[in-house]
Structure formats: C-alpha cells, structure tokens
C-alpha cells in the first residue's frame, strides 16, 4: 500500500507532484522573463531556487511512482505500471529537464554577456600586461629585489585570472566555451 511505502496515499502523492510541477513552471517562467533585469547575484540565487524546485519535481515524481507500485503490489498485481502511467511519469521528468535546460541557457547567456565575459577578459589582459612588463625587465644583481617584487605582483594577477575563470566557468554558455 502507498501509505505504508511513502506515508501518503496515491492521491496525495499525485497532488504533491502537481504542486511541485506548478511551482517549478512558475519559477522557470518568472526567471526566463526577468533574467535580463536581474543582477548577477539575483540570477545566481534564482537559478539555485529553480534547481531546488526541479529536485522537488523529481522527488515527488519518484514518490508518486513508488506509491502507484506499492498499491499494485498490495492488490496482488504484478508491480508494473501501465504504458499510460509510465509515459506520464517519464514525460514529467523530460519536460522538467527540458525546461530547466532552456532556463539555464537564458541565465548563462545573461550572466556571461553582462558580467562574466568582461570580468574574465579584464583579468586576463591585466595578467598578460604584467607578464609582458616583467619580460621587459633585465635581471641583474642590482635589481633582483625589485624584479622579485614585480614577479610577485604578476603572480597575483595570474592567480586572479585563474580564480576569475574558475568562478565563471559554469556560467559560460556552450557556444562561448574556448573563445578568448
């Protein structure tokens, strides 16, 4: 019986799945529409919320499936969903995954084009300029300390560029990956 397996009856599980799908869809629609007007932190936070809603859809979908199978077993039937129910459960996750990917693309494009691309390019240019300046310095016993000081500064610029890349890497749209 579903209540023993999940703590809820199938009707409740179906209602929870419907609610989870509704909350996810509303948030996905909101984020798609508002992405162009959000700040960097708002976009990242709202996308995290959307990911949480997607997990809720997945969990409620799994619970619903478990409840259906438990009820079938309780009635002495073979625990196998009919084609329509199986298709409904699979379609729920496919729709959720598709919509999540669409919104991810919108968020990535906004984050990258409005914030990340310029930040990363600036960090790389500063590191390159520092390296070029360091290469131009002739090293001698007289200016060794100055050279080491300048080297430390360049090393920090390079580390800043690496950090910037690491923080933006997940937000670079696939079409932009590998482009300088």
C-alpha atoms as a PDB file:
ATOM      1  CA  UNK A   1       0.000   0.000   0.000  1.00  0.00           C
ATOM      2  CA  UNK A   2       1.213   3.504  -0.882  1.00  0.00           C
ATOM      3  CA  UNK A   3       0.601   4.841   2.631  1.00  0.00           C
ATOM      4  CA  UNK A   4       2.952   2.245   4.105  1.00  0.00           C
ATOM      5  CA  UNK A   5       5.639   2.822   1.464  1.00  0.00           C
ATOM      6  CA  UNK A   6       5.578   6.617   1.393  1.00  0.00           C
ATOM      7  CA  UNK A   7       3.421   7.726   4.297  1.00  0.00           C
ATOM      8  CA  UNK A   8       0.802   9.121   1.927  1.00  0.00           C
ATOM      9  CA  UNK A   9      -1.962   7.842  -0.312  1.00  0.00           C
ATOM     10  CA  UNK A  10      -1.587   7.962  -4.086  1.00  0.00           C
ATOM     11  CA  UNK A  11      -3.998  10.884  -4.372  1.00  0.00           C
ATOM     12  CA  UNK A  12      -1.819  12.974  -2.024  1.00  0.00           C
ATOM     13  CA  UNK A  13       1.327  11.961  -3.893  1.00  0.00           C
ATOM     14  CA  UNK A  14      -0.234  12.999  -7.191  1.00  0.00           C
ATOM     15  CA  UNK A  15      -1.315  16.346  -5.703  1.00  0.00           C
ATOM     16  CA  UNK A  16       2.194  16.959  -4.373  1.00  0.00           C
ATOM     17  CA  UNK A  17       3.671  16.163  -7.773  1.00  0.00           C
ATOM     18  CA  UNK A  18       1.213  18.531  -9.446  1.00  0.00           C
ATOM     19  CA  UNK A  19       2.085  21.254  -6.949  1.00  0.00           C
ATOM     20  CA  UNK A  20       5.830  20.708  -7.442  1.00  0.00           C
ATOM     21  CA  UNK A  21       5.416  20.877 -11.228  1.00  0.00           C
ATOM     22  CA  UNK A  22       3.370  24.073 -10.902  1.00  0.00           C
ATOM     23  CA  UNK A  23       5.891  25.781  -8.603  1.00  0.00           C
ATOM     24  CA  UNK A  24       8.751  24.775 -10.899  1.00  0.00           C
ATOM     25  CA  UNK A  25       6.963  26.003 -14.027  1.00  0.00           C
ATOM     26  CA  UNK A  26       6.016  29.338 -12.467  1.00  0.00           C
ATOM     27  CA  UNK A  27       9.557  29.927 -11.269  1.00  0.00           C
ATOM     28  CA  UNK A  28      11.013  28.926 -14.651  1.00  0.00           C
ATOM     29  CA  UNK A  29       8.650  31.336 -16.426  1.00  0.00           C
ATOM     30  CA  UNK A  30       9.477  34.133 -13.973  1.00  0.00           C
ATOM     31  CA  UNK A  31      13.217  33.608 -14.361  1.00  0.00           C
ATOM     32  CA  UNK A  32      13.019  33.459 -18.151  1.00  0.00           C
ATOM     33  CA  UNK A  33      11.108  36.748 -18.291  1.00  0.00           C
ATOM     34  CA  UNK A  34      13.037  38.644 -15.616  1.00  0.00           C
ATOM     35  CA  UNK A  35      16.594  37.425 -16.308  1.00  0.00           C
ATOM     36  CA  UNK A  36      17.525  40.480 -18.346  1.00  0.00           C
ATOM     37  CA  UNK A  37      16.697  42.812 -15.447  1.00  0.00           C
ATOM     38  CA  UNK A  38      18.373  40.897 -12.626  1.00  0.00           C
ATOM     39  CA  UNK A  39      21.751  41.440 -11.052  1.00  0.00           C
ATOM     40  CA  UNK A  40      24.452  38.800 -11.031  1.00  0.00           C
ATOM     41  CA  UNK A  41      23.652  37.622  -7.507  1.00  0.00           C
ATOM     42  CA  UNK A  42      19.898  37.616  -8.167  1.00  0.00           C
ATOM     43  CA  UNK A  43      20.346  35.486 -11.292  1.00  0.00           C
ATOM     44  CA  UNK A  44      22.539  33.004  -9.465  1.00  0.00           C
ATOM     45  CA  UNK A  45      20.207  32.807  -6.457  1.00  0.00           C
ATOM     46  CA  UNK A  46      17.057  32.439  -8.555  1.00  0.00           C
ATOM     47  CA  UNK A  47      18.691  29.702 -10.615  1.00  0.00           C
ATOM     48  CA  UNK A  48      19.634  27.868  -7.405  1.00  0.00           C
ATOM     49  CA  UNK A  49      15.979  28.095  -6.354  1.00  0.00           C
ATOM     50  CA  UNK A  50      14.896  26.725  -9.730  1.00  0.00           C
ATOM     51  CA  UNK A  51      17.300  23.792  -9.321  1.00  0.00           C
ATOM     52  CA  UNK A  52      15.726  23.111  -5.917  1.00  0.00           C
ATOM     53  CA  UNK A  53      12.252  23.164  -7.470  1.00  0.00           C
ATOM     54  CA  UNK A  54      13.446  20.741 -10.165  1.00  0.00           C
ATOM     55  CA  UNK A  55      14.687  18.373  -7.433  1.00  0.00           C
ATOM     56  CA  UNK A  56      11.260  18.620  -5.798  1.00  0.00           C
ATOM     57  CA  UNK A  57       9.602  17.639  -9.069  1.00  0.00           C
ATOM     58  CA  UNK A  58      11.931  14.672  -9.388  1.00  0.00           C
ATOM     59  CA  UNK A  59      11.393  13.549  -5.797  1.00  0.00           C
ATOM     60  CA  UNK A  60       7.611  13.928  -5.926  1.00  0.00           C
ATOM     61  CA  UNK A  61       7.532  12.121  -9.276  1.00  0.00           C
ATOM     62  CA  UNK A  62       9.542   9.251  -7.782  1.00  0.00           C
ATOM     63  CA  UNK A  63       7.296   9.145  -4.703  1.00  0.00           C
ATOM     64  CA  UNK A  64       4.201   9.042  -6.921  1.00  0.00           C
ATOM     65  CA  UNK A  65       5.669   6.155  -8.912  1.00  0.00           C
ATOM     66  CA  UNK A  66       6.595   4.323  -5.701  1.00  0.00           C
ATOM     67  CA  UNK A  67       3.069   4.826  -4.328  1.00  0.00           C
ATOM     68  CA  UNK A  68       1.460   3.507  -7.507  1.00  0.00           C
ATOM     69  CA  UNK A  69       3.673   0.419  -7.498  1.00  0.00           C
ATOM     70  CA  UNK A  70       3.024  -0.186  -3.785  1.00  0.00           C
ATOM     71  CA  UNK A  71      -0.746  -0.061  -4.346  1.00  0.00           C
ATOM     72  CA  UNK A  72      -0.431  -2.553  -7.225  1.00  0.00           C
ATOM     73  CA  UNK A  73       1.582  -4.944  -5.084  1.00  0.00           C
ATOM     74  CA  UNK A  74      -0.978  -4.643  -2.292  1.00  0.00           C
ATOM     75  CA  UNK A  75      -3.749  -5.634  -4.696  1.00  0.00           C
ATOM     76  CA  UNK A  76      -1.778  -8.709  -5.709  1.00  0.00           C
ATOM     77  CA  UNK A  77      -0.990  -7.376  -9.182  1.00  0.00           C
ATOM     78  CA  UNK A  78       2.402  -7.504 -10.816  1.00  0.00           C
ATOM     79  CA  UNK A  79       4.171  -4.281  -9.847  1.00  0.00           C
ATOM     80  CA  UNK A  80       4.417  -2.782 -13.295  1.00  0.00           C
ATOM     81  CA  UNK A  81       2.863   0.485 -14.403  1.00  0.00           C
ATOM     82  CA  UNK A  82       0.672   0.523 -17.464  1.00  0.00           C
ATOM     83  CA  UNK A  83       2.019   2.318 -20.514  1.00  0.00           C
ATOM     84  CA  UNK A  84      -0.002   5.487 -19.917  1.00  0.00           C
ATOM     85  CA  UNK A  85       1.193   5.961 -16.324  1.00  0.00           C
ATOM     86  CA  UNK A  86       4.772   5.086 -17.220  1.00  0.00           C
ATOM     87  CA  UNK A  87       4.672   7.588 -20.083  1.00  0.00           C
ATOM     88  CA  UNK A  88       3.194  10.255 -17.782  1.00  0.00           C
ATOM     89  CA  UNK A  89       5.944   9.760 -15.205  1.00  0.00           C
ATOM     90  CA  UNK A  90       8.700   9.796 -17.825  1.00  0.00           C
ATOM     91  CA  UNK A  91       7.199  12.833 -19.590  1.00  0.00           C
ATOM     92  CA  UNK A  92       7.089  14.757 -16.317  1.00  0.00           C
ATOM     93  CA  UNK A  93      10.846  14.394 -15.891  1.00  0.00           C
ATOM     94  CA  UNK A  94      11.619  15.003 -19.568  1.00  0.00           C
ATOM     95  CA  UNK A  95       9.553  18.213 -19.518  1.00  0.00           C
ATOM     96  CA  UNK A  96      11.235  19.341 -16.312  1.00  0.00           C
ATOM     97  CA  UNK A  97      14.728  18.612 -17.654  1.00  0.00           C
ATOM     98  CA  UNK A  98      13.981  20.356 -20.950  1.00  0.00           C
ATOM     99  CA  UNK A  99      12.598  23.462 -19.279  1.00  0.00           C
ATOM    100  CA  UNK A 100      15.488  23.542 -16.797  1.00  0.00           C
ATOM    101  CA  UNK A 101      17.973  23.428 -19.678  1.00  0.00           C
ATOM    102  CA  UNK A 102      16.136  26.237 -21.504  1.00  0.00           C
ATOM    103  CA  UNK A 103      16.241  28.461 -18.428  1.00  0.00           C
ATOM    104  CA  UNK A 104      19.870  27.516 -17.759  1.00  0.00           C
ATOM    105  CA  UNK A 105      20.729  28.795 -21.231  1.00  0.00           C
ATOM    106  CA  UNK A 106      18.897  32.075 -20.585  1.00  0.00           C
ATOM    107  CA  UNK A 107      20.656  32.550 -17.239  1.00  0.00           C
ATOM    108  CA  UNK A 108      24.065  31.576 -18.610  1.00  0.00           C
ATOM    109  CA  UNK A 109      23.727  33.928 -21.548  1.00  0.00           C
ATOM    110  CA  UNK A 110      22.717  36.811 -19.285  1.00  0.00           C
ATOM    111  CA  UNK A 111      25.387  36.183 -16.678  1.00  0.00           C
ATOM    112  CA  UNK A 112      28.146  35.679 -19.192  1.00  0.00           C
ATOM    113  CA  UNK A 113      27.350  38.529 -21.559  1.00  0.00           C
ATOM    114  CA  UNK A 114      26.540  41.091 -18.852  1.00  0.00           C
ATOM    115  CA  UNK A 115      29.086  40.200 -16.184  1.00  0.00           C
ATOM    116  CA  UNK A 116      31.443  37.301 -16.738  1.00  0.00           C
ATOM    117  CA  UNK A 117      32.930  37.846 -20.174  1.00  0.00           C
ATOM    118  CA  UNK A 118      34.206  41.349 -19.422  1.00  0.00           C
ATOM    119  CA  UNK A 119      35.449  40.411 -15.953  1.00  0.00           C
ATOM    120  CA  UNK A 120      37.400  37.461 -17.305  1.00  0.00           C
ATOM    121  CA  UNK A 121      38.807  39.382 -20.283  1.00  0.00           C
ATOM    122  CA  UNK A 122      39.959  42.181 -17.958  1.00  0.00           C
ATOM    123  CA  UNK A 123      41.660  39.738 -15.585  1.00  0.00           C
ATOM    124  CA  UNK A 124      43.446  38.019 -18.470  1.00  0.00           C
ATOM    125  CA  UNK A 125      44.547  41.338 -20.022  1.00  0.00           C
ATOM    126  CA  UNK A 126      45.935  42.532 -16.686  1.00  0.00           C
ATOM    127  CA  UNK A 127      47.848  39.285 -16.226  1.00  0.00           C
ATOM    128  CA  UNK A 128      49.194  39.450 -19.802  1.00  0.00           C
ATOM    129  CA  UNK A 129      50.264  43.072 -19.356  1.00  0.00           C
ATOM    130  CA  UNK A 130      52.015  42.172 -16.108  1.00  0.00           C
ATOM    131  CA  UNK A 131      53.823  39.277 -17.792  1.00  0.00           C
ATOM    132  CA  UNK A 132      54.861  41.486 -20.701  1.00  0.00           C
ATOM    133  CA  UNK A 133      56.174  44.121 -18.299  1.00  0.00           C
ATOM    134  CA  UNK A 134      58.089  41.518 -16.352  1.00  0.00           C
ATOM    135  CA  UNK A 135      59.668  40.116 -19.525  1.00  0.00           C
ATOM    136  CA  UNK A 136      60.954  43.584 -20.391  1.00  0.00           C
ATOM    137  CA  UNK A 137      62.901  43.870 -17.146  1.00  0.00           C
ATOM    138  CA  UNK A 138      66.549  42.922 -17.365  1.00  0.00           C
ATOM    139  CA  UNK A 139      67.523  40.970 -14.277  1.00  0.00           C
ATOM    140  CA  UNK A 140      70.789  41.771 -12.565  1.00  0.00           C
ATOM    141  CA  UNK A 141      72.205  41.526  -9.076  1.00  0.00           C
ATOM    142  CA  UNK A 142      71.380  45.203  -8.576  1.00  0.00           C
ATOM    143  CA  UNK A 143      67.638  44.975  -9.322  1.00  0.00           C
ATOM    144  CA  UNK A 144      66.997  41.424  -8.159  1.00  0.00           C
ATOM    145  CA  UNK A 145      64.793  42.520  -5.239  1.00  0.00           C
ATOM    146  CA  UNK A 146      62.726  44.812  -7.479  1.00  0.00           C
ATOM    147  CA  UNK A 147      62.338  42.048 -10.024  1.00  0.00           C
ATOM    148  CA  UNK A 148      61.155  39.604  -7.359  1.00  0.00           C
ATOM    149  CA  UNK A 149      58.662  42.165  -6.089  1.00  0.00           C
ATOM    150  CA  UNK A 150      57.333  42.724  -9.608  1.00  0.00           C
ATOM    151  CA  UNK A 151      57.253  38.947 -10.147  1.00  0.00           C
ATOM    152  CA  UNK A 152      55.094  38.525  -7.034  1.00  0.00           C
ATOM    153  CA  UNK A 153      52.676  41.147  -8.393  1.00  0.00           C
ATOM    154  CA  UNK A 154      52.426  39.365 -11.728  1.00  0.00           C
ATOM    155  CA  UNK A 155      51.957  36.055  -9.978  1.00  0.00           C
ATOM    156  CA  UNK A 156      48.977  37.559  -8.097  1.00  0.00           C
ATOM    157  CA  UNK A 157      47.493  38.885 -11.375  1.00  0.00           C
ATOM    158  CA  UNK A 158      47.770  35.431 -12.937  1.00  0.00           C
ATOM    159  CA  UNK A 159      46.174  33.847  -9.862  1.00  0.00           C
ATOM    160  CA  UNK A 160      43.341  36.422 -10.034  1.00  0.00           C
ATOM    161  CA  UNK A 161      42.728  35.476 -13.685  1.00  0.00           C
ATOM    162  CA  UNK A 162      42.640  31.783 -12.763  1.00  0.00           C
ATOM    163  CA  UNK A 163      40.208  32.488  -9.918  1.00  0.00           C
ATOM    164  CA  UNK A 164      38.008  34.546 -12.220  1.00  0.00           C
ATOM    165  CA  UNK A 165      37.932  31.737 -14.775  1.00  0.00           C
ATOM    166  CA  UNK A 166      37.085  29.189 -12.102  1.00  0.00           C
ATOM    167  CA  UNK A 167      34.189  31.283 -10.794  1.00  0.00           C
ATOM    168  CA  UNK A 168      32.739  31.899 -14.263  1.00  0.00           C
ATOM    169  CA  UNK A 169      33.418  28.508 -15.835  1.00  0.00           C
ATOM    170  CA  UNK A 170      29.987  27.029 -15.043  1.00  0.00           C
ATOM    171  CA  UNK A 171      28.216  30.112 -16.408  1.00  0.00           C
ATOM    172  CA  UNK A 172      29.943  30.220 -19.800  1.00  0.00           C
ATOM    173  CA  UNK A 173      27.410  29.241 -22.473  1.00  0.00           C
ATOM    174  CA  UNK A 174      28.467  26.216 -24.512  1.00  0.00           C
ATOM    175  CA  UNK A 175      28.663  28.333 -27.679  1.00  0.00           C
ATOM    176  CA  UNK A 176      31.229  30.610 -25.972  1.00  0.00           C
ATOM    177  CA  UNK A 177      33.497  27.964 -24.421  1.00  0.00           C
ATOM    178  CA  UNK A 178      37.036  28.038 -25.742  1.00  0.00           C
ATOM    179  CA  UNK A 179      36.744  31.589 -27.100  1.00  0.00           C
ATOM    180  CA  UNK A 180      39.204  34.118 -25.668  1.00  0.00           C
END
